[in-house]
Amino acid sequence: MKHNLTATANALAVTVGFIYVACALLVAVMPGFFRTIAASWFHGWNMEVLWTGEPRGNFVLGLISAMAGSWVVGYVFAWTYNKFIK
C-alpha cells in the first residue's frame, strides 16, 4: 500500500501537536515528575539549570517547531516507504 506523502506528513504533525499540548498540560500539573522524566531522557543532565517550570513561555514556538519538524519527518518517511515498496 502506497502512502500519500502529504496525508502522512499532516497526520504525523497533528499527532505530535496533540502530544505536545498534552505534555505541556501535564508539565503544568506535575512539574517535578516531568523534570525527572526529562533528566532520564537526557541521561541524567541536571535539569534544575534549564527547568523554569513555566511551559507557557515557549509554548507556541515549541508547538510550531515540533509540528513543522514532524511534518518533514512524516513526508520523508512516506517518500522513503514508497521507494522501498517498489
N, C-alpha and C. Protein backbone atom coordinates (compact mmCIF):
# COMPACT_ATOMS: atom_id res chain seq x y z
N MET A 1 0.83 -1.18 0.00
CA MET A 1 0.00 0.00 0.00
C MET A 1 0.88 1.25 0.00
N LYS A 2 0.63 2.11 -0.92
CA LYS A 2 1.42 3.33 -1.06
C LYS A 2 0.92 4.40 -0.09
N HIS A 3 1.85 5.18 0.45
CA HIS A 3 1.50 6.29 1.34
C HIS A 3 1.30 7.57 0.52
N ASN A 4 0.27 8.32 0.86
CA ASN A 4 0.12 9.67 0.32
C ASN A 4 1.07 10.55 1.12
N LEU A 5 2.01 11.21 0.43
CA LEU A 5 3.06 11.96 1.13
C LEU A 5 2.49 13.03 2.03
N THR A 6 1.62 13.87 1.50
CA THR A 6 1.09 14.98 2.28
C THR A 6 0.19 14.50 3.42
N ALA A 7 -0.64 13.51 3.15
CA ALA A 7 -1.53 12.99 4.19
C ALA A 7 -0.74 12.39 5.35
N THR A 8 0.30 11.64 5.03
CA THR A 8 1.13 11.06 6.08
C THR A 8 1.83 12.15 6.89
N ALA A 9 2.38 13.14 6.21
CA ALA A 9 3.05 14.25 6.89
C ALA A 9 2.08 15.02 7.77
N ASN A 10 0.89 15.30 7.25
CA ASN A 10 -0.13 16.02 8.03
C ASN A 10 -0.55 15.22 9.26
N ALA A 11 -0.74 13.91 9.09
CA ALA A 11 -1.17 13.06 10.21
C ALA A 11 -0.12 13.05 11.31
N LEU A 12 1.14 12.95 10.95
CA LEU A 12 2.19 12.94 11.96
C LEU A 12 2.29 14.29 12.65
N ALA A 13 2.17 15.38 11.90
CA ALA A 13 2.26 16.71 12.50
C ALA A 13 1.12 16.94 13.49
N VAL A 14 -0.09 16.54 13.13
CA VAL A 14 -1.23 16.71 14.04
C VAL A 14 -1.08 15.83 15.28
N THR A 15 -0.61 14.60 15.09
CA THR A 15 -0.39 13.70 16.22
C THR A 15 0.62 14.28 17.19
N VAL A 16 1.74 14.77 16.66
CA VAL A 16 2.77 15.37 17.52
C VAL A 16 2.22 16.63 18.20
N GLY A 17 1.39 17.39 17.49
CA GLY A 17 0.77 18.57 18.10
C GLY A 17 -0.09 18.21 19.30
N PHE A 18 -0.91 17.17 19.17
CA PHE A 18 -1.73 16.71 20.29
C PHE A 18 -0.86 16.26 21.46
N ILE A 19 0.18 15.49 21.16
CA ILE A 19 1.08 15.02 22.22
C ILE A 19 1.77 16.20 22.89
N TYR A 20 2.20 17.19 22.12
CA TYR A 20 2.88 18.36 22.66
C TYR A 20 1.97 19.12 23.64
N VAL A 21 0.73 19.33 23.23
CA VAL A 21 -0.23 20.04 24.09
C VAL A 21 -0.49 19.24 25.37
N ALA A 22 -0.68 17.92 25.24
CA ALA A 22 -0.91 17.07 26.41
C ALA A 22 0.28 17.12 27.36
N CYS A 23 1.48 17.06 26.82
CA CYS A 23 2.67 17.12 27.67
C CYS A 23 2.78 18.48 28.37
N ALA A 24 2.49 19.55 27.66
CA ALA A 24 2.56 20.88 28.27
C ALA A 24 1.57 20.99 29.43
N LEU A 25 0.38 20.46 29.24
CA LEU A 25 -0.61 20.48 30.32
C LEU A 25 -0.15 19.64 31.51
N LEU A 26 0.40 18.48 31.24
CA LEU A 26 0.88 17.62 32.32
C LEU A 26 2.07 18.24 33.06
N VAL A 27 2.94 18.92 32.34
CA VAL A 27 4.07 19.60 32.98
C VAL A 27 3.56 20.69 33.91
N ALA A 28 2.51 21.38 33.51
CA ALA A 28 1.93 22.43 34.35
C ALA A 28 1.34 21.85 35.63
N VAL A 29 0.80 20.62 35.55
CA VAL A 29 0.16 19.99 36.69
C VAL A 29 1.17 19.25 37.58
N MET A 30 2.14 18.59 36.96
CA MET A 30 3.11 17.77 37.70
C MET A 30 4.55 18.09 37.29
N PRO A 31 5.04 19.29 37.58
CA PRO A 31 6.37 19.67 37.09
C PRO A 31 7.52 18.81 37.61
N GLY A 32 7.47 18.42 38.86
CA GLY A 32 8.55 17.60 39.42
C GLY A 32 8.69 16.25 38.75
N PHE A 33 7.57 15.61 38.50
CA PHE A 33 7.57 14.31 37.83
C PHE A 33 8.17 14.42 36.43
N PHE A 34 7.77 15.46 35.70
CA PHE A 34 8.27 15.60 34.34
C PHE A 34 9.72 16.09 34.29
N ARG A 35 10.17 16.78 35.30
CA ARG A 35 11.59 17.13 35.38
C ARG A 35 12.42 15.85 35.52
N THR A 36 11.93 14.91 36.33
CA THR A 36 12.61 13.62 36.48
C THR A 36 12.61 12.84 35.16
N ILE A 37 11.47 12.85 34.46
CA ILE A 37 11.40 12.17 33.16
C ILE A 37 12.39 12.80 32.18
N ALA A 38 12.41 14.14 32.12
CA ALA A 38 13.32 14.83 31.21
C ALA A 38 14.77 14.49 31.51
N ALA A 39 15.13 14.44 32.79
CA ALA A 39 16.51 14.09 33.16
C ALA A 39 16.84 12.67 32.73
N SER A 40 15.87 11.76 32.82
CA SER A 40 16.14 10.37 32.42
C SER A 40 16.31 10.26 30.90
N TRP A 41 15.57 11.06 30.14
CA TRP A 41 15.69 11.03 28.68
C TRP A 41 17.01 11.62 28.22
N PHE A 42 17.56 12.54 28.99
CA PHE A 42 18.83 13.17 28.62
C PHE A 42 19.98 12.65 29.47
N HIS A 43 19.88 11.40 29.86
CA HIS A 43 20.95 10.66 30.52
C HIS A 43 21.47 11.34 31.78
N GLY A 44 20.55 11.88 32.56
CA GLY A 44 20.90 12.41 33.86
C GLY A 44 21.38 13.85 33.88
N TRP A 45 21.26 14.58 32.79
CA TRP A 45 21.65 16.00 32.82
C TRP A 45 20.91 16.70 33.94
N ASN A 46 21.54 17.68 34.53
CA ASN A 46 20.92 18.43 35.60
C ASN A 46 19.87 19.38 35.01
N MET A 47 18.62 19.01 35.14
CA MET A 47 17.53 19.80 34.59
C MET A 47 17.22 21.03 35.44
N GLU A 48 17.74 21.10 36.66
CA GLU A 48 17.49 22.26 37.52
C GLU A 48 18.00 23.53 36.86
N VAL A 49 19.09 23.44 36.12
CA VAL A 49 19.65 24.62 35.46
C VAL A 49 18.75 25.11 34.34
N LEU A 50 18.12 24.19 33.63
CA LEU A 50 17.30 24.53 32.47
C LEU A 50 15.82 24.69 32.79
N TRP A 51 15.37 24.07 33.86
CA TRP A 51 13.95 23.97 34.14
C TRP A 51 13.39 25.27 34.68
N THR A 52 12.37 25.81 34.01
CA THR A 52 11.72 27.02 34.51
C THR A 52 10.42 26.70 35.21
N GLY A 53 9.83 25.54 34.88
CA GLY A 53 8.55 25.18 35.46
C GLY A 53 7.39 25.91 34.80
N GLU A 54 7.67 26.75 33.84
CA GLU A 54 6.65 27.52 33.13
C GLU A 54 6.60 27.09 31.66
N PRO A 55 5.74 26.14 31.31
CA PRO A 55 5.68 25.69 29.92
C PRO A 55 5.09 26.72 28.97
N ARG A 56 4.39 27.74 29.49
CA ARG A 56 3.72 28.71 28.63
C ARG A 56 4.67 29.63 27.90
N GLY A 57 5.85 29.91 28.46
CA GLY A 57 6.76 30.87 27.86
C GLY A 57 7.14 30.57 26.43
N ASN A 58 7.43 29.34 26.14
CA ASN A 58 7.85 28.93 24.80
C ASN A 58 6.83 28.01 24.15
N PHE A 59 5.62 27.99 24.66
CA PHE A 59 4.63 27.02 24.20
C PHE A 59 4.37 27.12 22.70
N VAL A 60 4.08 28.30 22.20
CA VAL A 60 3.72 28.47 20.79
C VAL A 60 4.90 28.12 19.88
N LEU A 61 6.08 28.64 20.21
CA LEU A 61 7.27 28.32 19.41
C LEU A 61 7.55 26.83 19.42
N GLY A 62 7.45 26.21 20.58
CA GLY A 62 7.67 24.76 20.68
C GLY A 62 6.66 23.96 19.89
N LEU A 63 5.40 24.37 19.97
CA LEU A 63 4.34 23.67 19.24
C LEU A 63 4.56 23.78 17.73
N ILE A 64 4.83 24.97 17.26
CA ILE A 64 5.04 25.18 15.82
C ILE A 64 6.26 24.42 15.33
N SER A 65 7.37 24.51 16.06
CA SER A 65 8.59 23.83 15.60
C SER A 65 8.45 22.32 15.68
N ALA A 66 7.76 21.80 16.70
CA ALA A 66 7.57 20.35 16.81
C ALA A 66 6.69 19.84 15.67
N MET A 67 5.63 20.59 15.35
CA MET A 67 4.75 20.16 14.27
C MET A 67 5.41 20.30 12.91
N ALA A 68 6.17 21.36 12.71
CA ALA A 68 6.87 21.54 11.43
C ALA A 68 7.93 20.45 11.24
N GLY A 69 8.69 20.19 12.27
CA GLY A 69 9.71 19.14 12.18
C GLY A 69 9.11 17.77 11.94
N SER A 70 8.01 17.48 12.63
CA SER A 70 7.37 16.17 12.44
C SER A 70 6.71 16.07 11.07
N TRP A 71 6.26 17.19 10.50
CA TRP A 71 5.69 17.16 9.15
C TRP A 71 6.78 16.75 8.15
N VAL A 72 7.97 17.33 8.30
CA VAL A 72 9.09 16.98 7.42
C VAL A 72 9.44 15.50 7.59
N VAL A 73 9.50 15.03 8.82
CA VAL A 73 9.81 13.62 9.07
C VAL A 73 8.74 12.72 8.45
N GLY A 74 7.47 13.08 8.60
CA GLY A 74 6.38 12.30 8.01
C GLY A 74 6.46 12.24 6.50
N TYR A 75 6.79 13.37 5.90
CA TYR A 75 6.91 13.42 4.43
C TYR A 75 8.07 12.54 3.95
N VAL A 76 9.21 12.68 4.61
CA VAL A 76 10.38 11.87 4.23
C VAL A 76 10.10 10.39 4.48
N PHE A 77 9.44 10.07 5.58
CA PHE A 77 9.08 8.68 5.86
C PHE A 77 8.20 8.12 4.74
N ALA A 78 7.14 8.84 4.37
CA ALA A 78 6.22 8.35 3.33
C ALA A 78 6.94 8.21 1.99
N TRP A 79 7.77 9.18 1.66
CA TRP A 79 8.52 9.12 0.40
C TRP A 79 9.44 7.91 0.38
N THR A 80 10.17 7.71 1.48
CA THR A 80 11.09 6.57 1.59
C THR A 80 10.34 5.25 1.56
N TYR A 81 9.24 5.18 2.28
CA TYR A 81 8.41 3.98 2.29
C TYR A 81 7.96 3.62 0.88
N ASN A 82 7.48 4.62 0.16
CA ASN A 82 7.02 4.38 -1.21
C ASN A 82 8.15 3.89 -2.12
N LYS A 83 9.36 4.37 -1.88
CA LYS A 83 10.52 3.89 -2.68
C LYS A 83 10.81 2.43 -2.38
N PHE A 84 10.70 2.04 -1.11
CA PHE A 84 11.03 0.66 -0.72
C PHE A 84 9.98 -0.35 -1.17
N ILE A 85 8.73 0.04 -1.34
CA ILE A 85 7.73 -0.94 -1.73
C ILE A 85 7.71 -1.20 -3.23
N LYS A 86 8.47 -0.44 -4.00
CA LYS A 86 8.52 -0.66 -5.45
C LYS A 86 9.31 -1.89 -5.79
